[in-house]
């Protein structure tokens, strides 16, 4: 449990430092992830409406 909490804290620390040091790349990464999730949601919506 302790190791999982440490890993979670390290994940957010690395993510925060990445966003601070490279804001334009971080914005592009977030945009790409959001676009991918929107495509997955659209695909699931089409699949469920077809059934």
PDB file of N, CA and C in Angstrom:
ATOM      1  N   UNK A   1       0.825  -1.190   0.000  1.00  0.00           N
ATOM      2  CA  UNK A   1       0.000   0.000   0.000  1.00  0.00           C
ATOM      3  C   UNK A   1       0.874   1.260   0.000  1.00  0.00           C
ATOM      4  N   UNK A   2       1.926   1.230   0.796  1.00  0.00           N
ATOM      5  CA  UNK A   2       2.827   2.375   0.856  1.00  0.00           C
ATOM      6  C   UNK A   2       3.513   2.604  -0.484  1.00  0.00           C
ATOM      7  N   UNK A   3       3.934   1.525  -1.133  1.00  0.00           N
ATOM      8  CA  UNK A   3       4.606   1.629  -2.417  1.00  0.00           C
ATOM      9  C   UNK A   3       3.664   2.198  -3.480  1.00  0.00           C
ATOM     10  N   UNK A   4       2.410   1.821  -3.431  1.00  0.00           N
ATOM     11  CA  UNK A   4       1.427   2.343  -4.381  1.00  0.00           C
ATOM     12  C   UNK A   4       1.226   3.838  -4.163  1.00  0.00           C
ATOM     13  N   UNK A   5       1.184   4.273  -2.921  1.00  0.00           N
ATOM     14  CA  UNK A   5       1.043   5.707  -2.626  1.00  0.00           C
ATOM     15  C   UNK A   5       2.270   6.483  -3.094  1.00  0.00           C
ATOM     16  N   UNK A   6       3.442   5.932  -2.901  1.00  0.00           N
ATOM     17  CA  UNK A   6       4.664   6.588  -3.373  1.00  0.00           C
ATOM     18  C   UNK A   6       4.681   6.676  -4.897  1.00  0.00           C
ATOM     19  N   UNK A   7       4.274   5.609  -5.566  1.00  0.00           N
ATOM     20  CA  UNK A   7       4.224   5.615  -7.028  1.00  0.00           C
ATOM     21  C   UNK A   7       3.212   6.642  -7.522  1.00  0.00           C
ATOM     22  N   UNK A   8       2.081   6.755  -6.852  1.00  0.00           N
ATOM     23  CA  UNK A   8       1.059   7.731  -7.228  1.00  0.00           C
ATOM     24  C   UNK A   8       1.597   9.148  -7.070  1.00  0.00           C
ATOM     25  N   UNK A   9       2.280   9.418  -5.975  1.00  0.00           N
ATOM     26  CA  UNK A   9       2.878  10.731  -5.754  1.00  0.00           C
ATOM     27  C   UNK A   9       3.961  11.045  -6.777  1.00  0.00           C
ATOM     28  N   UNK A  10       4.779  10.062  -7.100  1.00  0.00           N
ATOM     29  CA  UNK A  10       5.825  10.269  -8.107  1.00  0.00           C
ATOM     30  C   UNK A  10       5.227  10.531  -9.478  1.00  0.00           C
ATOM     31  N   UNK A  11       4.162   9.825  -9.809  1.00  0.00           N
ATOM     32  CA  UNK A  11       3.484  10.033 -11.089  1.00  0.00           C
ATOM     33  C   UNK A  11       3.027  11.478 -11.226  1.00  0.00           C
ATOM     34  N   UNK A  12       2.355  12.004 -10.203  1.00  0.00           N
ATOM     35  CA  UNK A  12       1.860  13.374 -10.266  1.00  0.00           C
ATOM     36  C   UNK A  12       2.984  14.390 -10.239  1.00  0.00           C
ATOM     37  N   UNK A  13       4.057  14.085  -9.525  1.00  0.00           N
ATOM     38  CA  UNK A  13       5.205  14.993  -9.496  1.00  0.00           C
ATOM     39  C   UNK A  13       5.861  15.072 -10.872  1.00  0.00           C
ATOM     40  N   UNK A  14       6.055  13.936 -11.513  1.00  0.00           N
ATOM     41  CA  UNK A  14       6.657  13.916 -12.846  1.00  0.00           C
ATOM     42  C   UNK A  14       5.742  14.604 -13.850  1.00  0.00           C
ATOM     43  N   UNK A  15       4.453  14.338 -13.767  1.00  0.00           N
ATOM     44  CA  UNK A  15       3.497  14.982 -14.671  1.00  0.00           C
ATOM     45  C   UNK A  15       3.490  16.502 -14.481  1.00  0.00           C
ATOM     46  N   UNK A  16       3.515  16.948 -13.245  1.00  0.00           N
ATOM     47  CA  UNK A  16       3.553  18.381 -12.966  1.00  0.00           C
ATOM     48  C   UNK A  16       4.830  19.033 -13.463  1.00  0.00           C
ATOM     49  N   UNK A  17       5.968  18.391 -13.253  1.00  0.00           N
ATOM     50  CA  UNK A  17       7.231  18.943 -13.741  1.00  0.00           C
ATOM     51  C   UNK A  17       7.275  18.977 -15.261  1.00  0.00           C
ATOM     52  N   UNK A  18       6.719  17.968 -15.902  1.00  0.00           N
ATOM     53  CA  UNK A  18       6.653  17.961 -17.365  1.00  0.00           C
ATOM     54  C   UNK A  18       5.809  19.133 -17.864  1.00  0.00           C
ATOM     55  N   UNK A  19       4.672  19.370 -17.217  1.00  0.00           N
ATOM     56  CA  UNK A  19       3.795  20.473 -17.629  1.00  0.00           C
ATOM     57  C   UNK A  19       4.445  21.826 -17.394  1.00  0.00           C
ATOM     58  N   UNK A  20       5.243  21.950 -16.333  1.00  0.00           N
ATOM     59  CA  UNK A  20       5.897  23.225 -16.031  1.00  0.00           C
ATOM     60  C   UNK A  20       7.067  23.482 -16.986  1.00  0.00           C
ATOM     61  N   UNK A  21       7.830  22.440 -17.272  1.00  0.00           N
ATOM     62  CA  UNK A  21       9.029  22.623 -18.096  1.00  0.00           C
ATOM     63  C   UNK A  21       8.728  22.663 -19.588  1.00  0.00           C
ATOM     64  N   UNK A  22       7.678  21.968 -20.036  1.00  0.00           N
ATOM     65  CA  UNK A  22       7.325  21.903 -21.459  1.00  0.00           C
ATOM     66  C   UNK A  22       5.823  22.144 -21.631  1.00  0.00           C
ATOM     67  N   UNK A  23       5.350  23.360 -21.425  1.00  0.00           N
ATOM     68  CA  UNK A  23       3.899  23.589 -21.467  1.00  0.00           C
ATOM     69  C   UNK A  23       3.278  23.346 -22.840  1.00  0.00           C
ATOM     70  N   UNK A  24       3.995  23.656 -23.922  1.00  0.00           N
ATOM     71  CA  UNK A  24       3.407  23.453 -25.244  1.00  0.00           C
ATOM     72  C   UNK A  24       3.310  21.967 -25.590  1.00  0.00           C
ATOM     73  N   UNK A  25       4.312  21.198 -25.204  1.00  0.00           N
ATOM     74  CA  UNK A  25       4.247  19.751 -25.442  1.00  0.00           C
ATOM     75  C   UNK A  25       3.208  19.101 -24.541  1.00  0.00           C
ATOM     76  N   UNK A  26       3.077  19.603 -23.310  1.00  0.00           N
ATOM     77  CA  UNK A  26       2.067  19.060 -22.402  1.00  0.00           C
ATOM     78  C   UNK A  26       0.669  19.338 -22.937  1.00  0.00           C
ATOM     79  N   UNK A  27       0.454  20.534 -23.484  1.00  0.00           N
ATOM     80  CA  UNK A  27      -0.851  20.865 -24.054  1.00  0.00           C
ATOM     81  C   UNK A  27      -1.152  19.986 -25.264  1.00  0.00           C
ATOM     82  N   UNK A  28      -0.149  19.744 -26.096  1.00  0.00           N
ATOM     83  CA  UNK A  28      -0.348  18.871 -27.258  1.00  0.00           C
ATOM     84  C   UNK A  28      -0.639  17.443 -26.824  1.00  0.00           C
ATOM     85  N   UNK A  29       0.010  16.990 -25.773  1.00  0.00           N
ATOM     86  CA  UNK A  29      -0.224  15.640 -25.269  1.00  0.00           C
ATOM     87  C   UNK A  29      -1.634  15.509 -24.723  1.00  0.00           C
ATOM     88  N   UNK A  30      -2.074  16.489 -23.956  1.00  0.00           N
ATOM     89  CA  UNK A  30      -3.435  16.456 -23.411  1.00  0.00           C
ATOM     90  C   UNK A  30      -4.461  16.500 -24.541  1.00  0.00           C
ATOM     91  N   UNK A  31      -4.195  17.326 -25.545  1.00  0.00           N
ATOM     92  CA  UNK A  31      -5.101  17.421 -26.689  1.00  0.00           C
ATOM     93  C   UNK A  31      -5.183  16.075 -27.415  1.00  0.00           C
ATOM     94  N   UNK A  32      -4.063  15.396 -27.608  1.00  0.00           N
ATOM     95  CA  UNK A  32      -4.042  14.101 -28.289  1.00  0.00           C
ATOM     96  C   UNK A  32      -4.778  13.041 -27.473  1.00  0.00           C
ATOM     97  N   UNK A  33      -4.587  13.046 -26.165  1.00  0.00           N
ATOM     98  CA  UNK A  33      -5.278  12.073 -25.311  1.00  0.00           C
ATOM     99  C   UNK A  33      -6.776  12.323 -25.331  1.00  0.00           C
ATOM    100  N   UNK A  34      -7.186  13.595 -25.255  1.00  0.00           N
ATOM    101  CA  UNK A  34      -8.614  13.910 -25.291  1.00  0.00           C
ATOM    102  C   UNK A  34      -9.222  13.529 -26.631  1.00  0.00           C
ATOM    103  N   UNK A  35      -8.486  13.747 -27.710  1.00  0.00           N
ATOM    104  CA  UNK A  35      -8.989  13.366 -29.036  1.00  0.00           C
ATOM    105  C   UNK A  35      -9.145  11.849 -29.128  1.00  0.00           C
ATOM    106  N   UNK A  36      -8.176  11.116 -28.600  1.00  0.00           N
ATOM    107  CA  UNK A  36      -8.275   9.653 -28.595  1.00  0.00           C
ATOM    108  C   UNK A  36      -9.451   9.151 -27.779  1.00  0.00           C
ATOM    109  N   UNK A  37      -9.658   9.755 -26.614  1.00  0.00           N
ATOM    110  CA  UNK A  37     -10.800   9.349 -25.789  1.00  0.00           C
ATOM    111  C   UNK A  37     -12.122   9.690 -26.461  1.00  0.00           C
ATOM    112  N   UNK A  38     -12.177  10.813 -27.181  1.00  0.00           N
ATOM    113  CA  UNK A  38     -13.394  11.171 -27.912  1.00  0.00           C
ATOM    114  C   UNK A  38     -13.665  10.174 -29.026  1.00  0.00           C
ATOM    115  N   UNK A  39     -12.623   9.717 -29.691  1.00  0.00           N
ATOM    116  CA  UNK A  39     -12.798   8.704 -30.732  1.00  0.00           C
ATOM    117  C   UNK A  39     -13.295   7.387 -30.148  1.00  0.00           C
ATOM    118  N   UNK A  40     -12.770   7.002 -29.008  1.00  0.00           N
ATOM    119  CA  UNK A  40     -13.224   5.773 -28.349  1.00  0.00           C
ATOM    120  C   UNK A  40     -14.683   5.905 -27.924  1.00  0.00           C
ATOM    121  N   UNK A  41     -15.051   7.046 -27.367  1.00  0.00           N
ATOM    122  CA  UNK A  41     -16.439   7.265 -26.958  1.00  0.00           C
ATOM    123  C   UNK A  41     -17.374   7.253 -28.157  1.00  0.00           C
ATOM    124  N   UNK A  42     -16.947   7.855 -29.263  1.00  0.00           N
ATOM    125  CA  UNK A  42     -17.762   7.858 -30.478  1.00  0.00           C
ATOM    126  C   UNK A  42     -17.921   6.441 -31.015  1.00  0.00           C
ATOM    127  N   UNK A  43     -16.861   5.682 -30.993  1.00  0.00           N
ATOM    128  CA  UNK A  43     -16.935   4.292 -31.441  1.00  0.00           C
ATOM    129  C   UNK A  43     -17.866   3.455 -30.574  1.00  0.00           C
ATOM    130  N   UNK A  44     -17.781   3.639 -29.267  1.00  0.00           N
ATOM    131  CA  UNK A  44     -18.681   2.899 -28.369  1.00  0.00           C
ATOM    132  C   UNK A  44     -20.134   3.316 -28.567  1.00  0.00           C
ATOM    133  N   UNK A  45     -20.365   4.595 -28.814  1.00  0.00           N
ATOM    134  CA  UNK A  45     -21.722   5.062 -29.059  1.00  0.00           C
ATOM    135  C   UNK A  45     -22.282   4.454 -30.344  1.00  0.00           C
ATOM    136  N   UNK A  46     -21.454   4.392 -31.378  1.00  0.00           N
ATOM    137  CA  UNK A  46     -21.907   3.765 -32.633  1.00  0.00           C
ATOM    138  C   UNK A  46     -22.158   2.287 -32.447  1.00  0.00           C
ATOM    139  N   UNK A  47     -21.302   1.632 -31.685  1.00  0.00           N
ATOM    140  CA  UNK A  47     -21.484   0.199 -31.453  1.00  0.00           C
ATOM    141  C   UNK A  47     -22.771  -0.088 -30.692  1.00  0.00           C
ATOM    142  N   UNK A  48     -23.022   0.677 -29.628  1.00  0.00           N
ATOM    143  CA  UNK A  48     -24.225   0.421 -28.841  1.00  0.00           C
ATOM    144  C   UNK A  48     -25.495   0.811 -29.594  1.00  0.00           C
ATOM    145  N   UNK A  49     -25.417   1.806 -30.464  1.00  0.00           N
ATOM    146  CA  UNK A  49     -26.611   2.177 -31.238  1.00  0.00           C
ATOM    147  C   UNK A  49     -26.872   1.160 -32.346  1.00  0.00           C
ATOM    148  N   UNK A  50     -25.849   0.473 -32.799  1.00  0.00           N
ATOM    149  CA  UNK A  50     -26.032  -0.550 -33.844  1.00  0.00           C
ATOM    150  C   UNK A  50     -26.646  -1.823 -33.270  1.00  0.00           C
ATOM    151  N   UNK A  51     -26.472  -2.048 -31.994  1.00  0.00           N
ATOM    152  CA  UNK A  51     -27.018  -3.267 -31.381  1.00  0.00           C
ATOM    153  C   UNK A  51     -28.415  -2.982 -30.972  1.00  0.00           C
TER     154      UNK A  51
END
